[in-house]
Amino acid sequence: MQSLLLKYLAGLSLTVDDAKTLQRLGEYKGRQALFTQQTPQILNSLKTLAIIESSESSNRLEGVTAPKDRIEALVTKNSTPQNRSEQEIAGYRDALNLIHESGPHMPFTNNVILQLHSMLYRYLPMQGGKWKGSDNEIIERNADSTVRRIRFKPTSAADTPDAMDQLALRYKESIETYHQEPLVVVPLAILDFLYVHPFVDGNGRSARLLTLLLLYHFGYEVGRYISLERIFEESKETYYETLEASSKNWHEGKHNVFPWLRYFWGTLLRAYQEFEERVGQNDTARGSKTEHVKSAVRRRIAPFAISDIEKDCPGVSRDMIRLVLREMKKDGQITPQGKGRGARWLFSGDLQRGK
């Protein structure tokens, strides 16, 4: 709402670098069709992996976790959830699948927003799909879950229904009447959604689902193959910092949206770069496959197994992956964690940060 007022949008001034970033994203979108004509086996593997990673990362950002093998079973085999965490992950899986299947036909309306939120809680006793009934706050917690500080005070519960009506209306006007740039309007709509914080719980997950949905509306479909949620999680400190930086004076319409905009665009750029790298290198020479495996390792922020890299690199043999891992171990880039069938590897954090 506040960010999508025509007066506010008209006052935004993009830098030369901002314009170049939007141009690059447009170029990636233009090449998207070329890359999606590649080997169906590779694309299907990437789709499955993206749903697994998205279901895992978006929930883990909210403190909801489950063993990786259970997440894979929930996603790939439609396994029955066995506890609350799995129920939440299964709900996110269903909402993702709906967007992947029907996204172009799901407009940004309150009915769709409530539908997606309801799906998040379809396996839980708590009923979703209702606006909050009491005021809430965006808070930062300590490791023991105690409150460290209040980041932001959202729209009151009493004003939320009207605020969401205004958000949907202003979004539609920005796109259809005033023909504003979608790559500006979409992240600003997500920003305003988060600052209204319309639900008692599930606001972050709903926002990430809506991000995927709105990008689909304008042909930016990289989220079908690369998990945007995983990238958000891997950069979660910046994710939360930019949201907080752009929240100051939001209620007065005097906030600075550029920290969030630039972070959002950077996330999308990284996703497209990763997509082209994964698809473009799978059917090429041995040297490219080697670099493809190394890139998959560098993206890992926690101990990983060979099977994890296999899923990231469809079309690359296990023997090839083992060979690359041995080379990386010899160079000191990775270290083994355990032995035998349960062995895992850890990429050096210092090297990852370029130290």
Protein backbone atom coordinates (compact mmCIF):
# COMPACT_ATOMS: atom_id res chain seq x y z
CA MET A 1 0.00 0.00 0.00
CA GLN A 2 2.42 2.76 1.12
CA SER A 3 5.06 1.73 -1.42
CA LEU A 4 2.59 1.47 -4.30
CA LEU A 5 1.05 4.91 -4.07
CA LEU A 6 1.50 6.60 -7.45
CA LYS A 7 3.08 9.63 -5.77
CA TYR A 8 5.59 7.42 -3.99
CA LEU A 9 6.42 5.41 -7.12
CA ALA A 10 6.88 8.60 -9.12
CA GLY A 11 9.40 9.82 -6.58
CA LEU A 12 11.68 6.80 -6.91
CA SER A 13 14.92 7.55 -8.70
CA LEU A 14 16.85 4.59 -10.10
CA THR A 15 20.60 4.85 -10.44
CA VAL A 16 22.52 3.85 -13.55
CA ASP A 17 23.50 0.62 -11.78
CA ASP A 18 19.86 -0.08 -10.94
CA ALA A 19 18.92 0.33 -14.60
CA LYS A 20 21.73 -2.02 -15.63
CA THR A 21 20.53 -4.60 -13.13
CA LEU A 22 17.00 -4.49 -14.53
CA GLN A 23 18.42 -4.77 -18.04
CA ARG A 24 20.43 -7.84 -17.07
CA LEU A 25 17.35 -9.47 -15.55
CA GLY A 26 15.47 -8.76 -18.76
CA GLU A 27 18.24 -10.43 -20.73
CA TYR A 28 18.13 -13.50 -18.50
CA LYS A 29 14.38 -13.66 -18.99
CA GLY A 30 14.93 -13.44 -22.75
CA ARG A 31 17.31 -16.43 -22.67
CA GLN A 32 15.01 -18.41 -20.40
CA ALA A 33 13.15 -20.13 -23.25
CA LEU A 34 16.42 -21.28 -24.79
CA PHE A 35 17.55 -22.96 -21.58
CA THR A 36 14.15 -24.51 -20.87
CA GLN A 37 14.41 -26.38 -24.17
CA GLN A 38 17.31 -28.42 -22.80
CA THR A 39 17.20 -32.07 -21.73
CA PRO A 40 13.84 -32.77 -20.05
CA GLN A 41 15.52 -35.14 -17.57
CA ILE A 42 17.73 -32.34 -16.28
CA LEU A 43 14.85 -29.86 -16.04
CA ASN A 44 12.61 -32.33 -14.21
CA SER A 45 15.41 -33.05 -11.77
CA LEU A 46 15.87 -29.32 -11.14
CA LYS A 47 12.10 -28.85 -10.62
CA THR A 48 11.99 -31.59 -8.00
CA LEU A 49 15.08 -30.30 -6.25
CA ALA A 50 13.68 -26.74 -6.23
CA ILE A 51 10.46 -27.87 -4.53
CA ILE A 52 12.43 -29.83 -1.92
CA GLU A 53 14.78 -26.92 -1.21
CA SER A 54 11.98 -24.35 -1.19
CA SER A 55 9.84 -26.40 1.21
CA GLU A 56 12.85 -26.91 3.46
CA SER A 57 14.35 -23.41 3.39
CA SER A 58 11.17 -21.33 3.64
CA ASN A 59 10.06 -23.28 6.69
CA ARG A 60 13.53 -23.36 8.24
CA LEU A 61 13.62 -19.55 8.07
CA GLU A 62 10.69 -19.71 10.50
CA GLY A 63 12.33 -22.30 12.74
CA VAL A 64 10.43 -25.28 11.26
CA THR A 65 12.77 -28.20 10.53
CA ALA A 66 12.68 -31.87 9.62
CA PRO A 67 15.24 -34.49 8.51
CA LYS A 68 16.19 -34.13 4.86
CA ASP A 69 15.08 -37.65 3.96
CA ARG A 70 11.63 -36.93 5.38
CA ILE A 71 11.35 -33.68 3.42
CA GLU A 72 12.27 -35.55 0.24
CA ALA A 73 9.66 -38.21 1.02
CA LEU A 74 7.02 -35.56 1.63
CA VAL A 75 7.79 -33.84 -1.66
CA THR A 76 8.60 -36.69 -4.03
CA LYS A 77 6.36 -39.44 -2.67
CA ASN A 78 3.55 -37.37 -1.16
CA SER A 79 4.27 -39.08 2.14
CA THR A 80 1.84 -38.51 5.02
CA PRO A 81 3.21 -35.94 7.51
CA GLN A 82 4.00 -37.47 10.91
CA ASN A 83 4.35 -34.42 13.17
CA ARG A 84 3.71 -30.67 13.28
CA SER A 85 6.89 -29.71 11.42
CA GLU A 86 6.12 -32.16 8.64
CA GLN A 87 2.53 -30.90 8.51
CA GLU A 88 3.79 -27.36 7.92
CA ILE A 89 6.27 -28.51 5.28
CA ALA A 90 3.58 -30.55 3.50
CA GLY A 91 1.29 -27.52 3.44
CA TYR A 92 4.03 -25.43 1.86
CA ARG A 93 4.65 -28.21 -0.67
CA ASP A 94 0.99 -28.18 -1.71
CA ALA A 95 0.94 -24.39 -2.06
CA LEU A 96 4.10 -24.51 -4.19
CA ASN A 97 2.65 -27.20 -6.45
CA LEU A 98 -0.50 -25.13 -6.93
CA ILE A 99 1.54 -22.10 -7.99
CA HIS A 100 3.70 -24.16 -10.34
CA GLU A 101 0.58 -25.64 -11.96
CA SER A 102 -1.82 -22.68 -11.98
CA GLY A 103 0.24 -19.54 -11.24
CA PRO A 104 -0.70 -17.60 -14.41
CA HIS A 105 -4.39 -18.00 -13.51
CA MET A 106 -4.04 -16.86 -9.89
CA PRO A 107 -4.28 -13.04 -9.68
CA PHE A 108 -2.94 -11.00 -6.78
CA THR A 109 -6.22 -10.76 -4.87
CA ASN A 110 -7.22 -11.24 -1.26
CA ASN A 111 -9.01 -14.48 -2.15
CA VAL A 112 -5.81 -15.96 -3.60
CA ILE A 113 -3.72 -14.73 -0.67
CA LEU A 114 -6.16 -16.31 1.79
CA GLN A 115 -6.25 -19.51 -0.26
CA LEU A 116 -2.46 -19.89 -0.16
CA HIS A 117 -2.36 -19.17 3.58
CA SER A 118 -5.11 -21.72 4.16
CA MET A 119 -3.06 -24.36 2.32
CA LEU A 120 -0.12 -23.77 4.66
CA TYR A 121 -2.31 -25.00 7.55
CA ARG A 122 -4.38 -27.65 5.81
CA TYR A 123 -2.72 -30.48 7.79
CA LEU A 124 -2.79 -28.62 11.11
CA PRO A 125 -5.53 -28.15 13.74
CA MET A 126 -5.05 -24.38 13.40
CA GLN A 127 -7.20 -22.92 10.63
CA GLY A 128 -5.48 -20.71 8.08
CA GLY A 129 -6.95 -18.31 5.57
CA LYS A 130 -8.09 -15.64 8.06
CA TRP A 131 -6.74 -12.18 8.76
CA LYS A 132 -5.20 -11.68 12.20
CA GLY A 133 -7.58 -11.03 15.06
CA SER A 134 -5.06 -9.27 17.30
CA ASP A 135 -2.14 -6.92 16.81
CA ASN A 136 1.26 -8.45 16.17
CA GLU A 137 4.88 -7.35 15.99
CA ILE A 138 7.92 -8.33 13.94
CA ILE A 139 10.43 -9.31 16.58
CA GLU A 140 14.02 -10.51 16.74
CA ARG A 141 14.62 -13.44 19.07
CA ASN A 142 17.64 -14.78 20.90
CA ALA A 143 18.82 -18.37 20.53
CA ASP A 144 16.63 -19.37 23.49
CA SER A 145 13.56 -17.82 21.78
CA THR A 146 13.36 -14.87 24.16
CA VAL A 147 12.63 -11.50 22.58
CA ARG A 148 15.74 -9.45 21.80
CA ARG A 149 13.98 -6.44 20.30
CA ILE A 150 11.00 -5.32 18.23
CA ARG A 151 11.96 -4.77 14.59
CA PHE A 152 8.66 -3.31 13.39
CA LYS A 153 5.06 -2.73 14.45
CA PRO A 154 2.76 -3.71 11.57
CA THR A 155 -0.71 -2.49 10.68
CA SER A 156 -3.22 -3.05 13.47
CA ALA A 157 -5.61 -5.99 13.31
CA ALA A 158 -8.58 -3.62 13.02
CA ASP A 159 -7.07 -1.91 9.96
CA THR A 160 -5.75 -5.06 8.27
CA PRO A 161 -8.77 -5.96 6.06
CA ASP A 162 -8.85 -2.44 4.59
CA ALA A 163 -5.07 -2.37 4.23
CA MET A 164 -5.12 -5.64 2.25
CA ASP A 165 -7.92 -4.31 0.03
CA GLN A 166 -5.80 -1.23 -0.64
CA LEU A 167 -2.70 -3.33 -1.35
CA ALA A 168 -4.49 -5.45 -3.95
CA LEU A 169 -6.06 -2.36 -5.55
CA ARG A 170 -2.85 -0.36 -5.73
CA TYR A 171 -0.95 -3.32 -7.11
CA LYS A 172 -3.48 -3.71 -9.89
CA GLU A 173 -3.43 0.04 -10.66
CA SER A 174 0.38 0.14 -10.70
CA ILE A 175 0.52 -2.62 -13.31
CA GLU A 176 -2.62 -2.14 -15.40
CA THR A 177 -3.31 1.60 -15.21
CA TYR A 178 0.06 3.24 -14.65
CA HIS A 179 2.20 0.55 -16.37
CA GLN A 180 4.96 0.62 -13.79
CA GLU A 181 7.99 -1.68 -14.10
CA PRO A 182 7.01 -5.16 -12.75
CA LEU A 183 10.45 -5.73 -11.25
CA VAL A 184 9.82 -2.67 -9.09
CA VAL A 185 6.14 -3.27 -8.34
CA VAL A 186 6.48 -6.96 -7.39
CA PRO A 187 9.10 -6.55 -4.63
CA LEU A 188 7.30 -3.45 -3.34
CA ALA A 189 4.04 -5.40 -3.09
CA ILE A 190 5.87 -8.09 -1.11
CA LEU A 191 7.42 -5.40 1.10
CA ASP A 192 4.03 -3.85 1.88
CA PHE A 193 2.51 -7.28 2.50
CA LEU A 194 5.18 -8.01 5.11
CA TYR A 195 4.68 -4.64 6.79
CA VAL A 196 0.92 -5.12 7.02
CA HIS A 197 1.73 -8.61 8.41
CA PRO A 198 -1.89 -9.69 7.91
CA PHE A 199 -1.76 -13.10 9.62
CA VAL A 200 -1.13 -14.28 13.15
CA ASP A 201 1.45 -16.72 11.75
CA GLY A 202 2.79 -17.69 8.34
CA ASN A 203 3.45 -14.19 7.00
CA GLY A 204 7.01 -14.90 5.86
CA ARG A 205 6.08 -18.14 4.11
CA SER A 206 3.07 -16.49 2.47
CA ALA A 207 5.27 -13.65 1.24
CA ARG A 208 7.74 -16.06 -0.34
CA LEU A 209 4.93 -17.96 -2.06
CA LEU A 210 3.53 -14.68 -3.37
CA THR A 211 6.99 -13.71 -4.64
CA LEU A 212 7.08 -16.82 -6.82
CA LEU A 213 3.50 -16.28 -7.98
CA LEU A 214 3.94 -12.63 -8.98
CA LEU A 215 7.21 -13.30 -10.80
CA TYR A 216 5.41 -15.99 -12.80
CA HIS A 217 2.85 -13.42 -13.92
CA PHE A 218 5.58 -11.54 -15.80
CA GLY A 219 7.45 -14.50 -17.22
CA TYR A 220 10.26 -14.67 -14.65
CA GLU A 221 10.05 -18.43 -14.09
CA VAL A 222 13.49 -19.19 -12.70
CA GLY A 223 11.86 -20.13 -9.38
CA ARG A 224 10.50 -23.22 -11.10
CA TYR A 225 14.05 -24.60 -11.37
CA ILE A 226 16.07 -22.79 -8.69
CA SER A 227 14.80 -22.33 -5.14
CA LEU A 228 14.51 -18.62 -4.37
CA GLU A 229 13.72 -19.57 -0.79
CA ARG A 230 17.09 -21.32 -0.47
CA ILE A 231 18.87 -18.20 -1.67
CA PHE A 232 16.88 -16.10 0.82
CA GLU A 233 17.92 -18.50 3.58
CA GLU A 234 21.58 -18.58 2.58
CA SER A 235 21.62 -14.78 2.80
CA LYS A 236 19.13 -14.50 5.66
CA GLU A 237 21.10 -11.88 7.58
CA THR A 238 20.93 -9.54 4.59
CA TYR A 239 17.34 -10.59 3.94
CA TYR A 240 16.23 -9.42 7.38
CA GLU A 241 18.56 -6.40 7.47
CA THR A 242 17.23 -4.98 4.20
CA LEU A 243 13.62 -5.54 5.24
CA GLU A 244 14.30 -3.69 8.47
CA ALA A 245 16.22 -0.89 6.73
CA SER A 246 13.32 -0.32 4.34
CA SER A 247 10.74 -0.36 7.15
CA LYS A 248 11.79 2.89 8.81
CA ASN A 249 9.03 5.52 8.41
CA TRP A 250 6.91 3.13 6.34
CA HIS A 251 3.70 4.12 8.13
CA GLU A 252 4.32 7.74 7.08
CA GLY A 253 5.21 6.78 3.48
CA LYS A 254 8.73 8.21 3.92
CA HIS A 255 10.67 4.94 3.87
CA ASN A 256 13.63 4.02 1.66
CA VAL A 257 12.77 0.94 -0.41
CA PHE A 258 16.11 0.62 -2.18
CA PRO A 259 17.85 -1.66 0.35
CA TRP A 260 15.08 -4.20 -0.19
CA LEU A 261 14.78 -3.64 -3.95
CA ARG A 262 18.48 -4.16 -4.57
CA TYR A 263 18.59 -7.25 -2.39
CA PHE A 264 15.56 -8.68 -4.20
CA TRP A 265 17.06 -8.02 -7.63
CA GLY A 266 20.35 -9.55 -6.51
CA THR A 267 18.55 -12.70 -5.39
CA LEU A 268 16.87 -13.00 -8.77
CA LEU A 269 20.16 -12.44 -10.60
CA ARG A 270 21.84 -15.16 -8.57
CA ALA A 271 19.00 -17.58 -9.31
CA TYR A 272 19.27 -16.99 -13.06
CA GLN A 273 23.05 -17.32 -13.01
CA GLU A 274 22.75 -20.60 -11.13
CA PHE A 275 20.07 -21.85 -13.50
CA GLU A 276 22.12 -21.19 -16.63
CA GLU A 277 25.16 -22.71 -14.99
CA ARG A 278 23.34 -25.89 -14.01
CA VAL A 279 21.58 -26.41 -17.32
CA GLY A 280 24.28 -25.10 -19.62
CA GLN A 281 27.07 -27.25 -18.22
CA ASN A 282 25.40 -30.60 -17.92
CA ASP A 283 25.88 -31.74 -21.51
CA THR A 284 29.25 -30.18 -22.11
CA ALA A 285 32.84 -31.22 -21.75
CA ARG A 286 34.49 -32.80 -18.75
CA GLY A 287 36.04 -29.50 -17.68
CA SER A 288 32.65 -27.81 -17.49
CA LYS A 289 31.24 -30.71 -15.49
CA THR A 290 34.12 -30.38 -13.06
CA GLU A 291 33.34 -26.71 -12.54
CA HIS A 292 29.65 -27.54 -12.23
CA VAL A 293 30.39 -29.92 -9.34
CA LYS A 294 32.69 -27.37 -7.69
CA SER A 295 30.01 -24.70 -7.94
CA ALA A 296 27.47 -27.05 -6.33
CA VAL A 297 29.91 -27.66 -3.46
CA ARG A 298 30.54 -23.94 -2.98
CA ARG A 299 26.82 -23.32 -2.57
CA ARG A 300 26.66 -25.71 0.37
CA ILE A 301 26.68 -23.99 3.75
CA ALA A 302 26.33 -27.18 5.83
CA PRO A 303 27.95 -30.64 5.70
CA PHE A 304 26.83 -32.50 2.58
CA ALA A 305 26.87 -36.02 1.18
CA ILE A 306 27.79 -37.14 -2.32
CA SER A 307 24.08 -37.79 -2.91
CA ASP A 308 23.37 -34.08 -2.29
CA ILE A 309 25.79 -33.10 -5.06
CA GLU A 310 24.29 -35.74 -7.36
CA LYS A 311 20.90 -34.06 -7.02
CA ASP A 312 22.44 -30.67 -7.74
CA CYS A 313 24.26 -32.00 -10.82
CA PRO A 314 21.92 -34.25 -12.81
CA GLY A 315 23.82 -35.85 -15.66
CA VAL A 316 27.16 -35.97 -13.80
CA SER A 317 28.21 -39.46 -12.71
CA ARG A 318 28.97 -40.37 -9.11
CA ASP A 319 32.49 -41.39 -10.14
CA MET A 320 33.04 -37.93 -11.61
CA ILE A 321 31.75 -36.28 -8.44
CA ARG A 322 34.07 -38.42 -6.30
CA LEU A 323 37.01 -37.44 -8.48
CA VAL A 324 36.25 -33.73 -8.11
CA LEU A 325 35.79 -34.07 -4.34
CA ARG A 326 39.16 -35.78 -4.05
CA GLU A 327 40.76 -32.92 -5.96
CA MET A 328 39.05 -30.33 -3.74
CA LYS A 329 40.14 -32.21 -0.63
CA LYS A 330 43.73 -32.29 -1.88
CA ASP A 331 43.58 -28.52 -2.46
CA GLY A 332 42.23 -27.94 1.05
CA GLN A 333 38.87 -26.62 -0.17
CA ILE A 334 36.79 -29.26 1.63
CA THR A 335 37.27 -31.47 4.66
CA PRO A 336 35.71 -34.88 5.39
CA GLN A 337 33.22 -35.29 8.25
CA GLY A 338 33.17 -38.95 9.25
CA LYS A 339 33.96 -42.11 7.30
CA GLY A 340 32.17 -44.84 5.40
CA ARG A 341 28.66 -44.69 3.97
CA GLY A 342 27.65 -41.90 6.32
CA ALA A 343 30.60 -39.68 5.45
CA ARG A 344 29.89 -36.05 4.71
CA TRP A 345 31.96 -33.12 3.52
CA LEU A 346 32.27 -29.52 4.59
CA PHE A 347 33.24 -26.63 2.33
CA SER A 348 35.67 -24.19 3.91
CA GLY A 349 33.81 -21.10 5.15
CA ASP A 350 36.94 -18.99 4.87
CA LEU A 351 37.44 -19.93 1.24
CA GLN A 352 33.74 -19.45 0.58
CA ARG A 353 33.97 -15.87 1.77
CA GLY A 354 37.10 -15.32 -0.25
CA LYS A 355 39.41 -14.95 2.74
